[in-house]
Amino acid sequence: MTNPQNREENLKRGAFTRFLDSVEWLGNLLPHPVTLFAILCVLVVIASGIAGALGVSVADPRPANEGEWIAVNSLLNAEGLRRLVTEMVTNFTSFAPLGTVLVAMLGVGVAEHSGLLSASMRALVLNRSPRIVTYAVVFAGIMSNMAAELGYVVLIPLAAMIFHSLGRHPLAGLAAAFCGVSGGYSANLLIGTVDPLLSGITQEAARLLDPTYSVGAEANWFFMFASTFFVTLIGGLVTERIVEPKLGKFDSAYADSDIDKNRMEGLTPTEKRALKGTGLATLALVALVAVMVVPESGILRHPDTGLISGSPFLRGIVVIVAIAFTVLGFVYGRLAGTMQNDRDVVDAMAKSMSSLGLYIVLVFFAAQFVALFNWSNFGTVTAVAGADLLDSLGLRGPGLFALFIIMCAFVNLSLGSASAQWAVTAPIFVPMLMLMGYAPEVIQAAYRIGDSVTNLITPMMSYFGLILAVATRYRNDMGIGTLVALMLPYTLFMLIGWSLLFFIWVFVFGLPVGPGSATYYTL
């Protein structure tokens, strides 16, 4: 007979699985992602026209704009049509992730088709514990944010290959990496590129109320350092206990025909020699970059401040990585006999670009939707209305920040860029919560939780289309609903767990979120 306790546990797991299946089913009722974005463009134009005609607006809460109103801009007019026609091309070409993906994939394509990625991957995971691999993938995803968007372009596809090579479901690897890269976007052991960006916006918002207030890039370092291990733990547990069991056994019949070439096999003597030679070339490249970055007068440091923060090195990391992958891929190819000359390099780049056809089409329509949504002012009006709601409830302490985190997570569903969202909402939330007695550093730390966790389930996240395109290599009927259902457990557990960590950190132990960061603010 079945143990009653086990039966109860099975029912609980079954209920949650049925919930995820329902999310997937509902999401997949939506049309193809490209068609969906096209429909959303039309809906935004129509909705903006209706809202504009009704005069939908909110009072601007920023002290500098006292007495002014923020209104929805109608796009259902001649001016809106002219703007769409004249800026449609630039909306597409200026969509930030497009250039990042294309440039990075040139180098990644060479490394992949030469066999370097496959051989390196097998060398790293061969005879390793599956559990170690799971947590290592999530941790690597979090740390990849030091190099801007590199994790999206390189690590997520590589994680799917790693899991497939180990005989595990590749979508579980993709999900684990996606959790670290995007869900753990704000966490890191070191100060990354997002820290000075957000702190600068926070400082400007705080100075609307206090003109002398200063917020440094290290403002949230203590909390984000601890969050790195916390997100790694949650990501690993959710992958192994929920996501991978639900996915079941991988069926290659629904995958691309060339997927099985990445299966795990032992390294041949030729591959081992090629890897050793490539390792030496890697050391030479690292030494070359170090010469340009480590000295205070290094040519890749910031030309004015001499710092690494905001330097050409960080801003050009994608180009540097693309060059490195190209060089190392060719070195490995020559030593392994898989590449002979420049024609092989060009062919590898061309094959890499051809695999991005769906992504490029998707980006075109997604870029138009993002532009129309920004032009309409819907995001700003939503943020202000949410801030007014928080203020009207009269909450303080953990209750206030719980609603604030949820509000940020909700707004993030429509404004996928961390900097864009904070630029819009910080001038509203930071002065408001400062007036309630909380320091800007704590407000920013809470914002970063809400901004991170829903990155995993919103098509508005800039790289969502790329993740979907990678996933379709392993499941050709993959839809938006399937991907959202796959990532939803991470969002739910991270939202609850990370928020609890914040409340315990700030309100129970009273720890500072960063070096010298205050918790409370008084006028």
Protein backbone atom coordinates (compact mmCIF):
# COMPACT_ATOMS: atom_id res chain seq x y z
CA MET A 1 0.00 0.00 0.00
CA THR A 2 1.04 3.59 -0.63
CA ASN A 3 2.30 5.47 2.40
CA PRO A 4 -0.24 8.25 3.28
CA GLN A 5 2.58 10.77 3.71
CA ASN A 6 4.03 9.95 0.28
CA ARG A 7 0.54 10.10 -1.24
CA GLU A 8 0.02 13.56 0.28
CA GLU A 9 3.39 14.74 -1.05
CA ASN A 10 2.53 13.41 -4.50
CA LEU A 11 -0.77 15.26 -4.43
CA LYS A 12 1.02 18.48 -3.50
CA ARG A 13 3.55 18.08 -6.28
CA GLY A 14 0.76 17.12 -8.62
CA ALA A 15 -1.21 20.26 -7.80
CA PHE A 16 1.79 22.50 -8.47
CA THR A 17 2.60 20.62 -11.67
CA ARG A 18 -1.01 21.00 -12.80
CA PHE A 19 -0.75 24.73 -12.08
CA LEU A 20 2.38 25.00 -14.25
CA ASP A 21 0.69 22.95 -16.96
CA SER A 22 -2.23 25.39 -16.89
CA VAL A 23 0.14 28.34 -17.24
CA GLU A 24 1.83 26.63 -20.16
CA TRP A 25 -1.51 25.80 -21.80
CA LEU A 26 -2.83 29.33 -21.41
CA GLY A 27 0.41 30.86 -22.61
CA ASN A 28 0.54 28.63 -25.66
CA LEU A 29 -2.94 29.74 -26.66
CA LEU A 30 -1.17 32.91 -27.68
CA PRO A 31 -0.08 33.16 -31.31
CA HIS A 32 3.51 32.87 -32.49
CA PRO A 33 5.72 35.37 -30.57
CA VAL A 34 6.32 37.39 -33.75
CA THR A 35 2.58 37.60 -34.40
CA LEU A 36 1.97 38.42 -30.73
CA PHE A 37 4.31 41.41 -30.79
CA ALA A 38 2.67 42.63 -34.00
CA ILE A 39 -0.75 42.40 -32.33
CA LEU A 40 0.55 44.16 -29.22
CA CYS A 41 1.81 47.01 -31.40
CA VAL A 42 -1.68 47.49 -32.81
CA LEU A 43 -3.25 47.26 -29.33
CA VAL A 44 -0.86 49.85 -27.88
CA VAL A 45 -1.70 52.28 -30.67
CA ILE A 46 -5.46 51.78 -30.20
CA ALA A 47 -5.27 51.89 -26.39
CA SER A 48 -3.16 55.05 -26.46
CA GLY A 49 -5.73 56.68 -28.73
CA ILE A 50 -8.57 55.80 -26.35
CA ALA A 51 -6.60 56.83 -23.24
CA GLY A 52 -5.52 60.05 -24.92
CA ALA A 53 -9.09 60.90 -25.91
CA LEU A 54 -10.25 60.25 -22.33
CA GLY A 55 -7.44 62.40 -20.95
CA VAL A 56 -5.90 59.66 -18.80
CA SER A 57 -3.15 61.26 -16.73
CA VAL A 58 -1.57 61.32 -13.29
CA ALA A 59 -0.10 64.14 -11.24
CA ASP A 60 3.69 64.31 -11.50
CA PRO A 61 4.93 63.65 -7.92
CA ARG A 62 8.46 64.94 -8.52
CA PRO A 63 9.19 68.14 -6.56
CA ALA A 64 10.82 69.79 -9.58
CA ASN A 65 7.65 69.28 -11.61
CA GLU A 66 5.10 70.26 -9.00
CA GLY A 67 1.73 71.08 -10.54
CA GLU A 68 2.47 69.25 -13.78
CA TRP A 69 0.71 66.15 -15.13
CA ILE A 70 1.94 63.01 -16.89
CA ALA A 71 -0.50 62.01 -19.61
CA VAL A 72 -0.82 59.09 -21.99
CA ASN A 73 0.29 60.17 -25.44
CA SER A 74 -2.05 59.18 -28.25
CA LEU A 75 -0.40 57.38 -31.16
CA LEU A 76 -3.66 57.03 -33.04
CA ASN A 77 -3.15 60.16 -35.07
CA ALA A 78 -1.18 61.53 -37.99
CA GLU A 79 1.81 62.41 -35.82
CA GLY A 80 1.98 58.88 -34.39
CA LEU A 81 1.77 57.34 -37.86
CA ARG A 82 4.51 59.63 -39.18
CA ARG A 83 6.76 58.77 -36.27
CA LEU A 84 6.25 55.04 -36.73
CA VAL A 85 6.97 55.18 -40.47
CA THR A 86 10.07 57.36 -40.13
CA GLU A 87 11.56 55.61 -37.08
CA MET A 88 10.66 51.97 -37.73
CA VAL A 89 14.09 51.17 -39.14
CA THR A 90 15.97 52.94 -36.35
CA ASN A 91 13.75 51.27 -33.74
CA PHE A 92 15.08 47.98 -35.08
CA THR A 93 18.73 48.87 -35.65
CA SER A 94 19.07 50.75 -32.35
CA PHE A 95 17.52 47.95 -30.28
CA ALA A 96 20.46 47.43 -27.90
CA PRO A 97 20.50 43.61 -27.60
CA LEU A 98 20.56 43.12 -31.38
CA GLY A 99 24.09 44.40 -31.92
CA THR A 100 25.36 42.66 -28.77
CA VAL A 101 24.03 39.30 -29.89
CA LEU A 102 25.23 39.59 -33.50
CA VAL A 103 28.77 40.68 -32.60
CA ALA A 104 29.19 38.09 -29.85
CA MET A 105 27.82 35.29 -32.02
CA LEU A 106 30.46 35.95 -34.69
CA GLY A 107 33.13 34.83 -32.25
CA VAL A 108 31.01 32.19 -30.53
CA GLY A 109 30.24 30.67 -33.93
CA VAL A 110 33.93 30.12 -34.65
CA ALA A 111 34.50 28.57 -31.21
CA GLU A 112 31.46 26.32 -31.59
CA HIS A 113 32.08 25.07 -35.13
CA SER A 114 35.79 24.47 -34.51
CA GLY A 115 34.81 22.16 -31.65
CA LEU A 116 36.37 24.32 -28.90
CA LEU A 117 33.14 24.81 -26.93
CA SER A 118 32.22 21.15 -27.08
CA ALA A 119 35.69 19.97 -26.05
CA SER A 120 35.99 22.55 -23.26
CA MET A 121 32.56 21.67 -21.98
CA ARG A 122 33.34 17.96 -21.88
CA ALA A 123 36.64 18.61 -20.12
CA LEU A 124 34.87 20.67 -17.46
CA VAL A 125 31.93 18.38 -16.68
CA LEU A 126 33.35 14.92 -17.35
CA ASN A 127 33.09 12.79 -14.20
CA ARG A 128 31.62 15.70 -12.22
CA SER A 129 28.65 15.31 -9.90
CA PRO A 130 25.38 16.40 -11.61
CA ARG A 131 24.48 18.42 -8.53
CA ILE A 132 27.75 20.35 -8.67
CA VAL A 133 27.12 21.09 -12.35
CA THR A 134 23.63 22.45 -11.61
CA TYR A 135 24.78 24.89 -8.94
CA ALA A 136 27.89 25.81 -10.91
CA VAL A 137 25.73 26.80 -13.90
CA VAL A 138 23.49 29.06 -11.76
CA PHE A 139 26.52 30.61 -10.02
CA ALA A 140 28.29 31.19 -13.34
CA GLY A 141 25.16 32.88 -14.65
CA ILE A 142 25.12 35.31 -11.73
CA MET A 143 28.82 36.11 -12.06
CA SER A 144 28.50 36.60 -15.84
CA ASN A 145 26.68 39.88 -15.19
CA MET A 146 30.07 41.47 -14.55
CA ALA A 147 30.47 41.27 -18.32
CA ALA A 148 27.20 42.98 -19.18
CA GLU A 149 24.96 40.77 -21.37
CA LEU A 150 27.56 38.12 -22.13
CA GLY A 151 25.70 35.49 -20.08
CA TYR A 152 22.64 35.68 -22.32
CA VAL A 153 24.62 35.21 -25.51
CA VAL A 154 27.19 32.63 -24.42
CA LEU A 155 26.38 30.94 -21.12
CA ILE A 156 22.69 30.09 -21.59
CA PRO A 157 23.18 28.21 -24.90
CA LEU A 158 26.31 26.58 -23.45
CA ALA A 159 24.42 25.41 -20.32
CA ALA A 160 21.84 23.67 -22.49
CA MET A 161 24.68 21.90 -24.30
CA ILE A 162 26.28 20.91 -20.98
CA PHE A 163 23.11 19.30 -19.65
CA HIS A 164 22.49 17.53 -22.94
CA SER A 165 26.04 16.22 -22.94
CA LEU A 166 25.48 14.79 -19.47
CA GLY A 167 22.33 12.98 -20.61
CA ARG A 168 20.11 15.47 -18.76
CA HIS A 169 17.33 17.58 -20.25
CA PRO A 170 18.97 20.54 -22.07
CA LEU A 171 16.06 22.84 -21.22
CA ALA A 172 16.83 22.29 -17.53
CA GLY A 173 20.34 23.58 -18.17
CA LEU A 174 18.96 26.52 -20.12
CA ALA A 175 16.55 27.31 -17.27
CA ALA A 176 19.27 27.10 -14.60
CA ALA A 177 21.55 29.44 -16.53
CA PHE A 178 18.65 31.80 -17.34
CA CYS A 179 17.83 31.89 -13.62
CA GLY A 180 21.38 32.94 -12.75
CA VAL A 181 21.92 35.39 -15.60
CA SER A 182 18.54 37.14 -15.52
CA GLY A 183 16.85 36.25 -12.23
CA GLY A 184 20.09 36.93 -10.36
CA TYR A 185 20.85 39.99 -12.44
CA SER A 186 21.52 42.26 -9.46
CA ALA A 187 23.52 39.80 -7.35
CA ASN A 188 27.29 39.45 -7.62
CA LEU A 189 30.38 38.92 -5.50
CA LEU A 190 31.97 41.99 -7.05
CA ILE A 191 30.69 45.36 -8.17
CA GLY A 192 29.49 44.94 -11.74
CA THR A 193 28.41 47.19 -14.57
CA VAL A 194 24.86 47.59 -13.24
CA ASP A 195 25.94 49.01 -9.86
CA PRO A 196 27.28 52.40 -10.97
CA LEU A 197 24.41 52.68 -13.44
CA LEU A 198 21.67 52.23 -10.83
CA SER A 199 23.43 54.18 -8.09
CA GLY A 200 23.79 57.17 -10.39
CA ILE A 201 20.06 57.16 -11.08
CA THR A 202 19.31 56.70 -7.35
CA GLN A 203 21.55 59.63 -6.44
CA GLU A 204 19.83 61.94 -8.89
CA ALA A 205 16.44 60.85 -7.57
CA ALA A 206 17.52 61.39 -3.96
CA ARG A 207 18.77 64.88 -4.80
CA LEU A 208 15.26 65.88 -5.81
CA LEU A 209 14.66 65.90 -2.06
CA ASP A 210 18.19 66.33 -0.69
CA PRO A 211 20.52 68.16 -3.13
CA THR A 212 23.68 67.01 -1.30
CA TYR A 213 22.89 63.30 -1.03
CA SER A 214 25.45 60.91 -2.54
CA VAL A 215 25.01 57.23 -3.49
CA GLY A 216 28.09 55.21 -4.45
CA ALA A 217 28.38 52.16 -6.70
CA GLU A 218 29.12 50.07 -3.60
CA ALA A 219 25.80 51.06 -1.94
CA ASN A 220 24.32 47.51 -2.08
CA TRP A 221 27.48 45.42 -2.17
CA PHE A 222 27.06 43.62 1.19
CA PHE A 223 23.51 42.52 0.43
CA MET A 224 24.24 41.58 -3.18
CA PHE A 225 27.31 39.59 -2.09
CA ALA A 226 25.14 37.46 0.21
CA SER A 227 22.39 37.31 -2.40
CA THR A 228 24.77 35.59 -4.83
CA PHE A 229 24.89 32.43 -2.70
CA PHE A 230 21.19 32.68 -1.86
CA VAL A 231 20.11 32.88 -5.52
CA THR A 232 22.52 30.05 -6.39
CA LEU A 233 20.89 27.87 -3.72
CA ILE A 234 17.33 28.66 -4.84
CA GLY A 235 18.18 28.24 -8.52
CA GLY A 236 19.83 24.88 -7.95
CA LEU A 237 17.03 23.53 -5.77
CA VAL A 238 14.26 24.64 -8.12
CA THR A 239 16.10 23.13 -11.10
CA GLU A 240 16.61 19.74 -9.48
CA ARG A 241 13.39 19.44 -7.45
CA ILE A 242 10.81 21.05 -9.77
CA VAL A 243 11.94 21.96 -13.27
CA GLU A 244 13.96 18.92 -14.31
CA PRO A 245 11.47 16.33 -12.96
CA LYS A 246 8.61 18.13 -14.73
CA LEU A 247 10.51 18.16 -18.04
CA GLY A 248 11.05 14.41 -17.87
CA LYS A 249 13.25 12.56 -20.34
CA PHE A 250 14.55 14.52 -23.30
CA ASP A 251 13.14 13.46 -26.67
CA SER A 252 15.47 14.40 -29.52
CA ALA A 253 12.69 13.74 -32.05
CA TYR A 254 11.40 17.25 -31.34
CA ALA A 255 14.86 18.86 -31.55
CA ASP A 256 17.12 20.05 -34.36
CA SER A 257 18.73 17.26 -36.33
CA ASP A 258 22.28 18.25 -35.35
CA ILE A 259 21.65 18.32 -31.59
CA ASP A 260 23.12 14.89 -30.90
CA LYS A 261 26.56 15.98 -32.05
CA ASN A 262 26.96 17.68 -28.64
CA ARG A 263 26.46 14.44 -26.67
CA MET A 264 29.05 13.60 -24.03
CA GLU A 265 32.04 11.68 -25.31
CA GLY A 266 35.50 11.32 -23.90
CA LEU A 267 38.22 13.60 -25.23
CA THR A 268 40.47 12.14 -27.91
CA PRO A 269 44.28 12.60 -27.67
CA THR A 270 44.07 15.15 -30.51
CA GLU A 271 41.43 17.13 -28.67
CA LYS A 272 43.48 17.08 -25.47
CA ARG A 273 46.55 18.42 -27.30
CA ALA A 274 44.44 21.08 -29.00
CA LEU A 275 43.00 22.16 -25.66
CA LYS A 276 46.46 22.47 -24.13
CA GLY A 277 47.63 24.64 -27.03
CA THR A 278 44.46 26.74 -26.80
CA GLY A 279 45.09 27.13 -23.07
CA LEU A 280 48.49 28.66 -23.79
CA ALA A 281 46.90 30.99 -26.35
CA THR A 282 44.32 31.96 -23.73
CA LEU A 283 47.05 32.90 -21.26
CA ALA A 284 48.71 35.05 -23.93
CA LEU A 285 45.41 36.86 -24.66
CA VAL A 286 44.74 37.41 -20.95
CA ALA A 287 48.24 38.85 -20.51
CA LEU A 288 47.68 41.19 -23.47
CA VAL A 289 44.37 42.44 -22.08
CA ALA A 290 45.91 42.80 -18.60
CA VAL A 291 48.63 45.08 -20.01
CA MET A 292 45.89 47.35 -21.36
CA VAL A 293 43.71 47.25 -18.22
CA VAL A 294 45.73 46.67 -15.03
CA PRO A 295 48.13 49.69 -15.13
CA GLU A 296 46.53 53.01 -14.15
CA SER A 297 47.63 54.37 -17.54
CA GLY A 298 46.21 51.36 -19.41
CA ILE A 299 44.64 52.30 -22.75
CA LEU A 300 41.43 50.41 -21.94
CA ARG A 301 40.85 52.29 -18.68
CA HIS A 302 38.59 55.31 -18.47
CA PRO A 303 40.48 58.10 -20.27
CA ASP A 304 39.39 60.78 -17.76
CA THR A 305 39.19 59.03 -14.38
CA GLY A 306 41.69 56.24 -14.99
CA LEU A 307 39.23 53.78 -13.42
CA ILE A 308 37.91 50.48 -14.73
CA SER A 309 34.34 51.56 -13.94
CA GLY A 310 32.81 53.02 -17.09
CA SER A 311 35.99 52.20 -19.02
CA PRO A 312 36.30 51.11 -22.67
CA PHE A 313 37.19 47.67 -21.28
CA LEU A 314 33.76 47.19 -19.66
CA ARG A 315 31.82 48.98 -22.38
CA GLY A 316 33.60 46.96 -25.06
CA ILE A 317 33.62 43.60 -23.28
CA VAL A 318 31.40 42.01 -25.93
CA VAL A 319 33.83 42.98 -28.71
CA ILE A 320 36.79 41.72 -26.68
CA VAL A 321 35.07 38.41 -26.03
CA ALA A 322 34.07 38.06 -29.70
CA ILE A 323 37.68 38.58 -30.78
CA ALA A 324 38.92 36.16 -28.12
CA PHE A 325 36.48 33.44 -29.19
CA THR A 326 37.45 33.94 -32.83
CA VAL A 327 41.18 33.71 -32.16
CA LEU A 328 40.95 30.81 -29.71
CA GLY A 329 38.44 28.98 -31.88
CA PHE A 330 40.78 29.18 -34.86
CA VAL A 331 43.80 28.12 -32.77
CA TYR A 332 41.90 25.09 -31.52
CA GLY A 333 40.61 24.32 -35.00
CA ARG A 334 44.11 24.37 -36.50
CA LEU A 335 45.51 22.14 -33.74
CA ALA A 336 42.54 19.75 -33.86
CA GLY A 337 42.39 19.69 -37.66
CA THR A 338 38.84 21.06 -37.86
CA MET A 339 39.90 24.38 -39.43
CA GLN A 340 42.56 25.11 -42.00
CA ASN A 341 42.27 28.71 -43.15
CA ASP A 342 40.27 31.94 -43.11
CA ARG A 343 37.52 30.43 -45.26
CA ASP A 344 36.68 28.01 -42.47
CA VAL A 345 36.44 30.93 -40.02
CA VAL A 346 34.13 32.87 -42.32
CA ASP A 347 31.97 29.79 -42.94
CA ALA A 348 31.63 29.27 -39.17
CA MET A 349 30.55 32.88 -38.70
CA ALA A 350 28.02 32.58 -41.51
CA LYS A 351 26.52 29.40 -40.02
CA SER A 352 26.26 31.12 -36.66
CA MET A 353 24.40 34.06 -38.20
CA SER A 354 22.03 31.76 -40.10
CA SER A 355 20.92 30.19 -36.81
CA LEU A 356 19.69 33.60 -35.61
CA GLY A 357 17.06 34.05 -38.32
CA LEU A 358 14.09 33.63 -35.96
CA TYR A 359 15.67 35.89 -33.36
CA ILE A 360 16.24 38.72 -35.86
CA VAL A 361 12.64 38.56 -37.09
CA LEU A 362 11.38 38.52 -33.50
CA VAL A 363 13.58 41.46 -32.53
CA PHE A 364 12.19 43.58 -35.36
CA PHE A 365 8.63 43.35 -34.03
CA ALA A 366 9.66 43.45 -30.37
CA ALA A 367 11.64 46.64 -30.99
CA GLN A 368 8.58 48.30 -32.53
CA PHE A 369 6.44 47.32 -29.54
CA VAL A 370 8.97 48.64 -27.01
CA ALA A 371 9.25 51.92 -28.91
CA LEU A 372 5.46 52.36 -29.17
CA PHE A 373 5.00 51.53 -25.48
CA ASN A 374 7.60 54.15 -24.52
CA TRP A 375 6.12 56.77 -26.84
CA SER A 376 2.65 56.23 -25.37
CA ASN A 377 3.88 56.95 -21.81
CA PHE A 378 1.91 53.96 -20.46
CA GLY A 379 4.90 52.77 -18.36
CA THR A 380 5.35 56.09 -16.58
CA VAL A 381 1.65 56.50 -15.86
CA THR A 382 1.52 52.95 -14.46
CA ALA A 383 4.51 53.59 -12.20
CA VAL A 384 3.05 56.81 -10.78
CA ALA A 385 -0.33 55.20 -10.17
CA GLY A 386 1.41 52.38 -8.31
CA ALA A 387 3.35 54.82 -6.16
CA ASP A 388 0.12 56.63 -5.27
CA LEU A 389 -1.39 53.30 -4.23
CA LEU A 390 1.51 52.55 -1.87
CA ASP A 391 1.22 56.00 -0.33
CA SER A 392 -2.55 55.72 0.17
CA LEU A 393 -2.25 52.42 2.08
CA GLY A 394 -0.19 54.08 4.82
CA LEU A 395 2.05 51.06 5.44
CA ARG A 396 5.52 51.14 7.00
CA GLY A 397 8.41 48.72 7.49
CA PRO A 398 8.31 45.21 5.97
CA GLY A 399 4.72 45.63 4.77
CA LEU A 400 5.63 48.76 2.81
CA PHE A 401 8.69 47.17 1.23
CA ALA A 402 6.79 43.97 0.42
CA LEU A 403 4.35 46.00 -1.65
CA PHE A 404 7.19 48.05 -3.12
CA ILE A 405 9.05 44.90 -4.26
CA ILE A 406 5.86 43.45 -5.75
CA MET A 407 5.18 46.78 -7.46
CA CYS A 408 8.68 46.81 -9.00
CA ALA A 409 8.26 43.19 -10.10
CA PHE A 410 4.95 44.09 -11.75
CA VAL A 411 6.33 47.19 -13.50
CA ASN A 412 9.27 45.08 -14.70
CA LEU A 413 6.82 42.98 -16.72
CA SER A 414 6.28 45.97 -19.00
CA LEU A 415 9.62 47.79 -18.72
CA GLY A 416 12.26 45.10 -19.18
CA SER A 417 15.39 47.29 -18.95
CA ALA A 418 16.72 47.75 -15.40
CA SER A 419 18.15 51.20 -16.13
CA ALA A 420 15.11 52.35 -18.10
CA GLN A 421 12.71 51.17 -15.41
CA TRP A 422 14.70 52.74 -12.57
CA ALA A 423 15.15 55.98 -14.51
CA VAL A 424 11.35 56.18 -14.74
CA THR A 425 10.44 54.98 -11.25
CA ALA A 426 13.35 56.18 -9.07
CA PRO A 427 12.35 59.89 -9.23
CA ILE A 428 8.95 58.75 -7.93
CA PHE A 429 9.71 56.05 -5.38
CA VAL A 430 13.02 57.26 -3.91
CA PRO A 431 11.79 60.71 -2.71
CA MET A 432 8.49 59.18 -1.60
CA LEU A 433 10.14 56.48 0.55
CA MET A 434 12.75 58.95 1.81
CA LEU A 435 9.88 61.06 3.14
CA MET A 436 8.66 57.90 4.88
CA GLY A 437 12.05 57.62 6.62
CA TYR A 438 14.08 55.18 4.51
CA ALA A 439 17.52 55.72 2.97
CA PRO A 440 17.98 55.62 -0.83
CA GLU A 441 20.47 52.73 -0.55
CA VAL A 442 17.85 50.47 1.08
CA ILE A 443 15.22 51.55 -1.44
CA GLN A 444 17.55 50.66 -4.30
CA ALA A 445 18.33 47.23 -2.80
CA ALA A 446 14.61 46.42 -2.56
CA TYR A 447 14.05 47.64 -6.10
CA ARG A 448 16.74 45.31 -7.43
CA ILE A 449 14.89 42.27 -6.07
CA GLY A 450 11.65 43.16 -7.86
CA ASP A 451 13.53 44.14 -11.01
CA SER A 452 15.34 40.78 -11.18
CA VAL A 453 12.80 38.08 -10.39
CA THR A 454 10.26 38.80 -13.14
CA ASN A 455 12.92 39.13 -15.84
CA LEU A 456 12.42 35.39 -16.25
CA ILE A 457 8.77 35.52 -17.29
CA THR A 458 8.33 38.71 -19.29
CA PRO A 459 8.63 38.85 -23.10
CA MET A 460 9.53 42.53 -22.57
CA MET A 461 12.96 41.44 -21.30
CA SER A 462 15.31 42.31 -24.15
CA TYR A 463 16.84 38.84 -24.50
CA PHE A 464 13.63 36.84 -24.06
CA GLY A 465 13.47 36.30 -27.82
CA LEU A 466 17.01 34.93 -27.87
CA ILE A 467 16.25 32.48 -25.05
CA LEU A 468 13.14 31.31 -26.90
CA ALA A 469 15.15 30.84 -30.09
CA VAL A 470 17.76 28.73 -28.25
CA ALA A 471 15.02 26.67 -26.57
CA THR A 472 13.40 25.83 -29.91
CA ARG A 473 16.58 23.99 -30.92
CA TYR A 474 15.70 21.40 -28.28
CA ARG A 475 11.90 21.57 -28.52
CA ASN A 476 10.64 22.82 -31.86
CA ASP A 477 7.08 23.42 -30.61
CA MET A 478 8.32 25.73 -27.85
CA GLY A 479 6.02 28.69 -27.31
CA ILE A 480 5.93 31.68 -25.00
CA GLY A 481 3.66 29.83 -22.57
CA THR A 482 6.04 26.87 -22.34
CA LEU A 483 9.01 29.11 -21.60
CA VAL A 484 7.08 31.17 -19.04
CA ALA A 485 5.83 28.00 -17.30
CA LEU A 486 9.40 26.67 -17.29
CA MET A 487 10.72 29.77 -15.53
CA LEU A 488 7.73 30.60 -13.30
CA PRO A 489 8.86 28.39 -10.36
CA TYR A 490 12.13 30.33 -10.20
CA THR A 491 10.25 33.65 -10.13
CA LEU A 492 7.87 32.53 -7.37
CA PHE A 493 10.51 31.03 -5.07
CA MET A 494 13.01 33.82 -5.66
CA LEU A 495 10.42 36.54 -5.06
CA ILE A 496 9.40 35.02 -1.73
CA GLY A 497 12.84 33.84 -0.60
CA TRP A 498 14.84 36.90 -1.66
CA SER A 499 12.27 39.24 -0.09
CA LEU A 500 12.48 37.31 3.20
CA LEU A 501 16.27 37.59 3.08
CA PHE A 502 15.91 41.36 2.63
CA PHE A 503 13.46 41.69 5.54
CA ILE A 504 15.66 39.63 7.87
CA TRP A 505 18.78 41.49 6.75
CA VAL A 506 17.32 44.99 7.16
CA PHE A 507 14.53 44.79 9.74
CA VAL A 508 15.57 41.86 11.97
CA PHE A 509 19.36 42.14 12.14
CA GLY A 510 19.58 45.79 11.08
CA LEU A 511 22.54 45.12 8.80
CA PRO A 512 23.67 47.77 6.29
CA VAL A 513 23.08 46.82 2.64
CA GLY A 514 26.49 48.18 1.69
CA PRO A 515 29.64 49.84 3.07
CA GLY A 516 28.55 52.98 4.90
CA SER A 517 24.98 52.64 3.64
CA ALA A 518 22.31 53.97 5.97
CA THR A 519 19.02 52.18 6.55
CA TYR A 520 16.93 55.14 7.66
CA TYR A 521 16.78 58.73 6.47
CA THR A 522 15.76 61.85 8.35
CA LEU A 523 15.23 65.28 6.86
